[in-house]
Each structure stands twice: as structure tokens, then as C-alpha cells.
Amino acid sequence: MQKYGRHIRVCVVEDNHFLRHAYDQMVSNGVGYELVGSCDSGEAAIETVPTILPDVVLMDIDMGVISGIEAVRVLKEKCPQVQFIMCTAHDEEEKIFQALSAGASGYLLKSTPSDAILLAIQELFNGGAPMSSQIANKVVASFRVKSQVNNEAIEKLSAREAEILTELVNGLLYKEIAVKLVISQETVRKHVYNIYKKLQVNNRVEAFNKYYGNAGKGI
């Protein structure tokens, strides 16, 4: 279970006091695990996780002002080495893809038994991507549908539009794309307008999601 001869350092983020306490006890009592943090909100997680740098964060989704999904998105930018498992009552496709696209590497339902949660933490720590079976089935089914739809949409683009879309999803600004492709910013702007129209999207984030077939990852 241990990697590099040490315990797996875990932080729990859960706004329900009783459930957070249960998770804390689960981790503390688990052989080979160390509880290094316990947060009751997304805001607290954003402040705490970068200071303690746990190996794995067990993250709730619905929490007050800052959701677990948004907290993961922020924390992945600050400390990309930290791994996140979402542990939630939701098995809706939208929330699943939002969480995974934000940077979570695992997704478990709160109905998952404690021993299975600990095994999932271990699996993630060792390079896996643990998911409840019903979640995995939804991901596979949804990916197949999205891939077909998105491939058809991308094929509508011209070679130049596809080139600009690639630079967009890589995070380049209009002026950077213009310099790289040796065209004017106004030309880039016109191409982007046509891209959005053909893909039936309204902004860069939606274009990114259409391109990759995932939902919810911001740029």
C-alpha cells in the first residue's frame, strides 16, 4: 500500500459535519493512511491544501459558495501534484464530466463502503483512476456519444479554422495566434466567429468542450 516507504497523506473536504467526521475517522483508522487535513468548505480547501500538499484529497461537490468542482479547478492550478477523488451523492453526467474536466482523477458515490473508499485512495495514489462502477458506465456511454457528435462538428471546419481552434484550446490569445500564423488579429477574430457559428458554441470554453468531448473544463 505504501509508496516510497510512507503513508498516503489524505485531506478530507466535506461540509456535512457528521460525514466529515466519519471520513476523518475512516482515514485515521486505515492502515497506511494519514489524515493531514479536514476542511468544511471549498474556500477552506483552497486555503489549506496548498499549505499541506496532501497526496490525495477526498472532495465533496455541493458546498456553499465554492463548489468542490470549482475548488478542484483552482487547486489543480496551484498544486498539480495533488490528486482528487470526488465523493458525492450525484451520478449525473454533467457533474461527472465537470469534475473530471476540472482535474479530479476519481469519482465515487457516497454510498461506497468505507473499505472501498480507502482502496480507491490507494489506487489513485498508485496511478489509477478509481470510479464507482455505475459512474464508469456513464462515462463510457457518454464519451461514445459525444465523440461521434463532436467529430462531425469539427469536420465542418476549414483547415485554417481547425488550425485556429487548436491554438484557441491551447490557450493562446488572439494576438498570439495572429503572430504565430502570420495573420492579422481581425482575421483571427473573423475565423473565430465562423468557428463558433459552425460548432454552435458561444465562447472559448464551449469550443474547448466541443473539441475534446468533455463538459465543464474552463480555460
C-alpha atoms as a PDB file:
ATOM      1  CA  MET A   1       0.000   0.000   0.000  1.00  0.00           C
ATOM      2  CA  GLN A   2       2.718   2.458   0.872  1.00  0.00           C
ATOM      3  CA  LYS A   3       4.718   4.234  -1.794  1.00  0.00           C
ATOM      4  CA  TYR A   4       8.263   5.436  -1.179  1.00  0.00           C
ATOM      5  CA  GLY A   5       8.006   3.847   2.294  1.00  0.00           C
ATOM      6  CA  ARG A   6       5.468   6.272   3.761  1.00  0.00           C
ATOM      7  CA  HIS A   7       1.757   6.572   4.464  1.00  0.00           C
ATOM      8  CA  ILE A   8      -0.708   8.069   1.987  1.00  0.00           C
ATOM      9  CA  ARG A   9      -1.396  11.619   3.164  1.00  0.00           C
ATOM     10  CA  VAL A  10      -5.110  12.427   2.838  1.00  0.00           C
ATOM     11  CA  CYS A  11      -7.187  15.593   3.217  1.00  0.00           C
ATOM     12  CA  VAL A  12     -10.973  15.404   3.596  1.00  0.00           C
ATOM     13  CA  VAL A  13     -13.213  18.213   2.289  1.00  0.00           C
ATOM     14  CA  GLU A  14     -16.855  17.831   3.301  1.00  0.00           C
ATOM     15  CA  ASP A  15     -19.360  20.401   4.618  1.00  0.00           C
ATOM     16  CA  ASN A  16     -21.541  17.875   6.455  1.00  0.00           C
ATOM     17  CA  HIS A  17     -20.079  17.742   9.971  1.00  0.00           C
ATOM     18  CA  PHE A  18     -21.082  14.156  10.742  1.00  0.00           C
ATOM     19  CA  LEU A  19     -19.983  12.784   7.381  1.00  0.00           C
ATOM     20  CA  ARG A  20     -16.678  14.678   7.545  1.00  0.00           C
ATOM     21  CA  HIS A  21     -16.034  13.226  10.980  1.00  0.00           C
ATOM     22  CA  ALA A  22     -16.807   9.731   9.654  1.00  0.00           C
ATOM     23  CA  TYR A  23     -14.368  10.215   6.739  1.00  0.00           C
ATOM     24  CA  ASP A  24     -11.741  11.590   9.123  1.00  0.00           C
ATOM     25  CA  GLN A  25     -12.064   8.522  11.325  1.00  0.00           C
ATOM     26  CA  MET A  26     -12.033   6.211   8.319  1.00  0.00           C
ATOM     27  CA  VAL A  27      -8.725   7.641   7.109  1.00  0.00           C
ATOM     28  CA  SER A  28      -7.165   7.888  10.570  1.00  0.00           C
ATOM     29  CA  ASN A  29      -8.006   4.276  11.347  1.00  0.00           C
ATOM     30  CA  GLY A  30      -6.906   2.960   7.964  1.00  0.00           C
ATOM     31  CA  VAL A  31      -3.588   1.123   7.920  1.00  0.00           C
ATOM     32  CA  GLY A  32      -1.130   3.009   5.717  1.00  0.00           C
ATOM     33  CA  TYR A  33      -3.096   6.277   5.641  1.00  0.00           C
ATOM     34  CA  GLU A  34      -2.511   9.588   7.411  1.00  0.00           C
ATOM     35  CA  LEU A  35      -5.150  12.297   7.848  1.00  0.00           C
ATOM     36  CA  VAL A  36      -3.315  15.603   7.302  1.00  0.00           C
ATOM     37  CA  GLY A  37      -6.266  17.942   6.792  1.00  0.00           C
ATOM     38  CA  SER A  38     -10.023  18.265   7.219  1.00  0.00           C
ATOM     39  CA  CYS A  39     -11.964  21.160   5.642  1.00  0.00           C
ATOM     40  CA  ASP A  40     -15.632  22.095   5.843  1.00  0.00           C
ATOM     41  CA  SER A  41     -15.855  24.201   2.654  1.00  0.00           C
ATOM     42  CA  GLY A  42     -14.384  24.797  -0.767  1.00  0.00           C
ATOM     43  CA  GLU A  43     -12.957  28.097   0.471  1.00  0.00           C
ATOM     44  CA  ALA A  44     -11.161  26.372   3.350  1.00  0.00           C
ATOM     45  CA  ALA A  45      -9.802  23.734   0.961  1.00  0.00           C
ATOM     46  CA  ILE A  46      -8.365  26.389  -1.371  1.00  0.00           C
ATOM     47  CA  GLU A  47      -6.532  27.941   1.581  1.00  0.00           C
ATOM     48  CA  THR A  48      -5.439  24.717   3.276  1.00  0.00           C
ATOM     49  CA  VAL A  49      -4.482  22.224   0.568  1.00  0.00           C
ATOM     50  CA  PRO A  50      -1.565  24.267  -0.895  1.00  0.00           C
ATOM     51  CA  THR A  51      -0.035  24.574   2.590  1.00  0.00           C
ATOM     52  CA  ILE A  52      -0.188  20.876   3.476  1.00  0.00           C
ATOM     53  CA  LEU A  53       0.130  19.312  -0.020  1.00  0.00           C
ATOM     54  CA  PRO A  54      -1.624  16.006   0.663  1.00  0.00           C
ATOM     55  CA  ASP A  55      -1.253  13.088  -1.718  1.00  0.00           C
ATOM     56  CA  VAL A  56      -4.997  12.691  -2.142  1.00  0.00           C
ATOM     57  CA  VAL A  57      -7.995  14.916  -1.402  1.00  0.00           C
ATOM     58  CA  LEU A  58     -11.413  13.353  -0.833  1.00  0.00           C
ATOM     59  CA  MET A  59     -13.660  16.161  -2.119  1.00  0.00           C
ATOM     60  CA  ASP A  60     -17.403  16.762  -1.797  1.00  0.00           C
ATOM     61  CA  ILE A  61     -19.170  18.620  -4.651  1.00  0.00           C
ATOM     62  CA  ASP A  62     -22.041  20.705  -3.225  1.00  0.00           C
ATOM     63  CA  MET A  63     -20.541  23.063  -0.650  1.00  0.00           C
ATOM     64  CA  GLY A  64     -21.786  26.593  -0.101  1.00  0.00           C
ATOM     65  CA  VAL A  65     -20.224  29.419  -2.096  1.00  0.00           C
ATOM     66  CA  ILE A  66     -17.409  27.480  -3.793  1.00  0.00           C
ATOM     67  CA  SER A  67     -18.317  24.014  -5.029  1.00  0.00           C
ATOM     68  CA  GLY A  68     -15.961  21.080  -4.865  1.00  0.00           C
ATOM     69  CA  ILE A  69     -15.630  21.176  -8.650  1.00  0.00           C
ATOM     70  CA  GLU A  70     -14.526  24.813  -8.637  1.00  0.00           C
ATOM     71  CA  ALA A  71     -12.191  24.134  -5.698  1.00  0.00           C
ATOM     72  CA  VAL A  72     -10.519  21.316  -7.654  1.00  0.00           C
ATOM     73  CA  ARG A  73     -10.152  23.564 -10.697  1.00  0.00           C
ATOM     74  CA  VAL A  74      -8.406  26.241  -8.613  1.00  0.00           C
ATOM     75  CA  LEU A  75      -6.261  23.807  -6.645  1.00  0.00           C
ATOM     76  CA  LYS A  76      -5.071  21.903  -9.720  1.00  0.00           C
ATOM     77  CA  GLU A  77      -3.575  25.178 -10.950  1.00  0.00           C
ATOM     78  CA  LYS A  78      -1.856  25.819  -7.609  1.00  0.00           C
ATOM     79  CA  CYS A  79      -0.678  22.293  -6.816  1.00  0.00           C
ATOM     80  CA  PRO A  80      -0.977  19.964  -9.826  1.00  0.00           C
ATOM     81  CA  GLN A  81       0.745  17.115  -8.000  1.00  0.00           C
ATOM     82  CA  VAL A  82      -2.214  16.702  -5.619  1.00  0.00           C
ATOM     83  CA  GLN A  83      -4.779  14.091  -6.687  1.00  0.00           C
ATOM     84  CA  PHE A  84      -8.527  14.478  -6.145  1.00  0.00           C
ATOM     85  CA  ILE A  85     -11.370  11.998  -5.691  1.00  0.00           C
ATOM     86  CA  MET A  86     -14.886  13.410  -5.791  1.00  0.00           C
ATOM     87  CA  CYS A  87     -17.128  11.677  -3.256  1.00  0.00           C
ATOM     88  CA  THR A  88     -20.724  12.730  -3.813  1.00  0.00           C
ATOM     89  CA  ALA A  89     -24.339  11.650  -3.978  1.00  0.00           C
ATOM     90  CA  HIS A  90     -24.533  12.810  -7.621  1.00  0.00           C
ATOM     91  CA  ASP A  91     -24.218  10.450 -10.560  1.00  0.00           C
ATOM     92  CA  GLU A  92     -25.439  12.947 -13.178  1.00  0.00           C
ATOM     93  CA  GLU A  93     -23.373  13.019 -16.360  1.00  0.00           C
ATOM     94  CA  GLU A  94     -22.902  16.788 -16.271  1.00  0.00           C
ATOM     95  CA  LYS A  95     -21.412  16.810 -12.783  1.00  0.00           C
ATOM     96  CA  ILE A  96     -19.243  13.789 -13.564  1.00  0.00           C
ATOM     97  CA  PHE A  97     -17.692  15.439 -16.603  1.00  0.00           C
ATOM     98  CA  GLN A  98     -17.363  18.805 -14.860  1.00  0.00           C
ATOM     99  CA  ALA A  99     -15.455  17.160 -12.011  1.00  0.00           C
ATOM    100  CA  LEU A 100     -13.174  15.095 -14.240  1.00  0.00           C
ATOM    101  CA  SER A 101     -12.548  18.026 -16.559  1.00  0.00           C
ATOM    102  CA  ALA A 102     -11.715  20.260 -13.595  1.00  0.00           C
ATOM    103  CA  GLY A 103      -8.897  17.887 -12.679  1.00  0.00           C
ATOM    104  CA  ALA A 104     -10.374  15.159 -10.496  1.00  0.00           C
ATOM    105  CA  SER A 105      -8.960  11.704 -11.173  1.00  0.00           C
ATOM    106  CA  GLY A 106     -11.613   9.673  -9.388  1.00  0.00           C
ATOM    107  CA  TYR A 107     -15.349   9.836  -8.753  1.00  0.00           C
ATOM    108  CA  LEU A 108     -17.125   7.831  -6.064  1.00  0.00           C
ATOM    109  CA  LEU A 109     -20.679   7.821  -4.764  1.00  0.00           C
ATOM    110  CA  LYS A 110     -21.155   8.478  -1.050  1.00  0.00           C
ATOM    111  CA  SER A 111     -22.894   5.114  -0.849  1.00  0.00           C
ATOM    112  CA  THR A 112     -19.499   3.489  -1.479  1.00  0.00           C
ATOM    113  CA  PRO A 113     -18.406   1.411   1.576  1.00  0.00           C
ATOM    114  CA  SER A 114     -15.541   2.794   3.654  1.00  0.00           C
ATOM    115  CA  ASP A 115     -13.134  -0.008   2.785  1.00  0.00           C
ATOM    116  CA  ALA A 116     -13.789   0.585  -0.923  1.00  0.00           C
ATOM    117  CA  ILE A 117     -13.113   4.320  -0.492  1.00  0.00           C
ATOM    118  CA  LEU A 118      -9.778   3.539   1.156  1.00  0.00           C
ATOM    119  CA  LEU A 119      -8.895   1.157  -1.677  1.00  0.00           C
ATOM    120  CA  ALA A 120      -9.836   3.896  -4.178  1.00  0.00           C
ATOM    121  CA  ILE A 121      -7.496   6.332  -2.406  1.00  0.00           C
ATOM    122  CA  GLN A 122      -4.745   3.738  -2.622  1.00  0.00           C
ATOM    123  CA  GLU A 123      -5.493   3.088  -6.302  1.00  0.00           C
ATOM    124  CA  LEU A 124      -5.337   6.798  -7.123  1.00  0.00           C
ATOM    125  CA  PHE A 125      -2.109   7.217  -5.171  1.00  0.00           C
ATOM    126  CA  ASN A 126      -0.583   4.395  -7.211  1.00  0.00           C
ATOM    127  CA  GLY A 127      -1.551   5.953 -10.526  1.00  0.00           C
ATOM    128  CA  GLY A 128      -5.069   4.645 -11.102  1.00  0.00           C
ATOM    129  CA  ALA A 129      -8.358   6.445 -11.736  1.00  0.00           C
ATOM    130  CA  PRO A 130     -10.952   4.907  -9.408  1.00  0.00           C
ATOM    131  CA  MET A 131     -14.665   5.230 -10.151  1.00  0.00           C
ATOM    132  CA  SER A 132     -17.824   3.602  -8.886  1.00  0.00           C
ATOM    133  CA  SER A 133     -18.987   1.058 -11.490  1.00  0.00           C
ATOM    134  CA  GLN A 134     -22.165   2.977 -12.338  1.00  0.00           C
ATOM    135  CA  ILE A 135     -20.107   6.150 -12.820  1.00  0.00           C
ATOM    136  CA  ALA A 136     -17.653   4.382 -15.130  1.00  0.00           C
ATOM    137  CA  ASN A 137     -20.532   3.063 -17.225  1.00  0.00           C
ATOM    138  CA  LYS A 138     -21.977   6.570 -17.622  1.00  0.00           C
ATOM    139  CA  VAL A 139     -18.585   7.982 -18.619  1.00  0.00           C
ATOM    140  CA  VAL A 140     -18.027   5.340 -21.299  1.00  0.00           C
ATOM    141  CA  ALA A 141     -21.535   5.677 -22.739  1.00  0.00           C
ATOM    142  CA  SER A 142     -21.432   9.464 -22.752  1.00  0.00           C
ATOM    143  CA  PHE A 143     -17.948   9.596 -24.277  1.00  0.00           C
ATOM    144  CA  ARG A 144     -19.054   7.430 -27.205  1.00  0.00           C
ATOM    145  CA  VAL A 145     -21.999   9.707 -27.967  1.00  0.00           C
ATOM    146  CA  LYS A 146     -20.032  12.927 -27.530  1.00  0.00           C
ATOM    147  CA  SER A 147     -17.146  11.708 -29.673  1.00  0.00           C
ATOM    148  CA  GLN A 148     -19.432  10.979 -32.622  1.00  0.00           C
ATOM    149  CA  VAL A 149     -21.238  14.332 -32.367  1.00  0.00           C
ATOM    150  CA  ASN A 150     -18.036  16.342 -31.876  1.00  0.00           C
ATOM    151  CA  ASN A 151     -16.147  14.659 -34.714  1.00  0.00           C
ATOM    152  CA  GLU A 152     -18.990  15.562 -37.058  1.00  0.00           C
ATOM    153  CA  ALA A 153     -18.882  19.167 -35.840  1.00  0.00           C
ATOM    154  CA  ILE A 154     -15.087  19.506 -36.194  1.00  0.00           C
ATOM    155  CA  GLU A 155     -15.245  18.149 -39.749  1.00  0.00           C
ATOM    156  CA  LYS A 156     -17.306  21.208 -40.730  1.00  0.00           C
ATOM    157  CA  LEU A 157     -14.300  23.469 -40.155  1.00  0.00           C
ATOM    158  CA  SER A 158     -11.881  24.563 -42.847  1.00  0.00           C
ATOM    159  CA  ALA A 159      -8.199  23.731 -42.474  1.00  0.00           C
ATOM    160  CA  ARG A 160      -7.436  27.283 -41.268  1.00  0.00           C
ATOM    161  CA  GLU A 161     -10.351  27.258 -38.824  1.00  0.00           C
ATOM    162  CA  ALA A 162      -9.237  23.917 -37.410  1.00  0.00           C
ATOM    163  CA  GLU A 163      -5.723  25.329 -37.012  1.00  0.00           C
ATOM    164  CA  ILE A 164      -7.023  28.385 -35.138  1.00  0.00           C
ATOM    165  CA  LEU A 165      -9.306  26.238 -32.976  1.00  0.00           C
ATOM    166  CA  THR A 166      -6.298  24.145 -31.955  1.00  0.00           C
ATOM    167  CA  GLU A 167      -4.445  27.283 -30.863  1.00  0.00           C
ATOM    168  CA  LEU A 168      -7.542  28.513 -29.017  1.00  0.00           C
ATOM    169  CA  VAL A 169      -7.886  25.328 -26.972  1.00  0.00           C
ATOM    170  CA  ASN A 170      -4.145  25.501 -26.270  1.00  0.00           C
ATOM    171  CA  GLY A 171      -4.859  28.800 -24.523  1.00  0.00           C
ATOM    172  CA  LEU A 172      -3.376  31.309 -26.973  1.00  0.00           C
ATOM    173  CA  LEU A 173      -4.790  34.834 -27.181  1.00  0.00           C
ATOM    174  CA  TYR A 174      -5.991  36.308 -30.483  1.00  0.00           C
ATOM    175  CA  LYS A 175      -2.838  38.408 -30.809  1.00  0.00           C
ATOM    176  CA  GLU A 176      -0.621  35.388 -30.124  1.00  0.00           C
ATOM    177  CA  ILE A 177      -2.467  33.337 -32.738  1.00  0.00           C
ATOM    178  CA  ALA A 178      -2.100  36.205 -35.228  1.00  0.00           C
ATOM    179  CA  VAL A 179       1.677  36.335 -34.686  1.00  0.00           C
ATOM    180  CA  LYS A 180       2.081  32.558 -34.845  1.00  0.00           C
ATOM    181  CA  LEU A 181       0.041  32.169 -38.044  1.00  0.00           C
ATOM    182  CA  VAL A 182       1.259  35.471 -39.573  1.00  0.00           C
ATOM    183  CA  ILE A 183      -2.228  36.943 -39.991  1.00  0.00           C
ATOM    184  CA  SER A 184      -3.989  39.970 -38.512  1.00  0.00           C
ATOM    185  CA  GLN A 185      -5.927  39.906 -35.256  1.00  0.00           C
ATOM    186  CA  GLU A 186      -9.022  40.944 -37.199  1.00  0.00           C
ATOM    187  CA  THR A 187      -8.626  37.875 -39.434  1.00  0.00           C
ATOM    188  CA  VAL A 188      -8.295  35.692 -36.358  1.00  0.00           C
ATOM    189  CA  ARG A 189     -11.421  37.299 -34.914  1.00  0.00           C
ATOM    190  CA  LYS A 190     -13.400  36.581 -38.099  1.00  0.00           C
ATOM    191  CA  HIS A 191     -12.245  32.971 -38.167  1.00  0.00           C
ATOM    192  CA  VAL A 192     -13.197  32.533 -34.507  1.00  0.00           C
ATOM    193  CA  TYR A 193     -16.657  33.929 -35.247  1.00  0.00           C
ATOM    194  CA  ASN A 194     -17.077  31.331 -38.011  1.00  0.00           C
ATOM    195  CA  ILE A 195     -15.756  28.572 -35.750  1.00  0.00           C
ATOM    196  CA  TYR A 196     -18.255  29.405 -33.028  1.00  0.00           C
ATOM    197  CA  LYS A 197     -21.063  29.543 -35.575  1.00  0.00           C
ATOM    198  CA  LYS A 198     -20.196  26.178 -37.127  1.00  0.00           C
ATOM    199  CA  LEU A 199     -19.692  24.458 -33.768  1.00  0.00           C
ATOM    200  CA  GLN A 200     -22.814  26.140 -32.356  1.00  0.00           C
ATOM    201  CA  VAL A 201     -20.948  27.478 -29.328  1.00  0.00           C
ATOM    202  CA  ASN A 202     -20.698  30.939 -27.787  1.00  0.00           C
ATOM    203  CA  ASN A 203     -17.233  31.127 -26.290  1.00  0.00           C
ATOM    204  CA  ARG A 204     -13.777  29.576 -25.955  1.00  0.00           C
ATOM    205  CA  VAL A 205     -14.798  27.285 -23.088  1.00  0.00           C
ATOM    206  CA  GLU A 206     -17.666  25.765 -25.073  1.00  0.00           C
ATOM    207  CA  ALA A 207     -15.380  25.386 -28.099  1.00  0.00           C
ATOM    208  CA  PHE A 208     -12.847  23.568 -25.893  1.00  0.00           C
ATOM    209  CA  ASN A 209     -15.543  21.223 -24.601  1.00  0.00           C
ATOM    210  CA  LYS A 210     -16.829  20.521 -28.102  1.00  0.00           C
ATOM    211  CA  TYR A 211     -13.275  19.859 -29.333  1.00  0.00           C
ATOM    212  CA  TYR A 212     -12.383  17.439 -26.572  1.00  0.00           C
ATOM    213  CA  GLY A 213     -15.812  15.967 -25.952  1.00  0.00           C
ATOM    214  CA  ASN A 214     -15.801  16.824 -22.250  1.00  0.00           C
ATOM    215  CA  ALA A 215     -18.037  19.112 -20.284  1.00  0.00           C
ATOM    216  CA  GLY A 216     -17.088  21.831 -17.900  1.00  0.00           C
ATOM    217  CA  LYS A 217     -13.365  22.436 -18.104  1.00  0.00           C
ATOM    218  CA  GLY A 218     -12.585  26.119 -18.231  1.00  0.00           C
ATOM    219  CA  ILE A 219      -9.634  27.738 -19.948  1.00  0.00           C
END
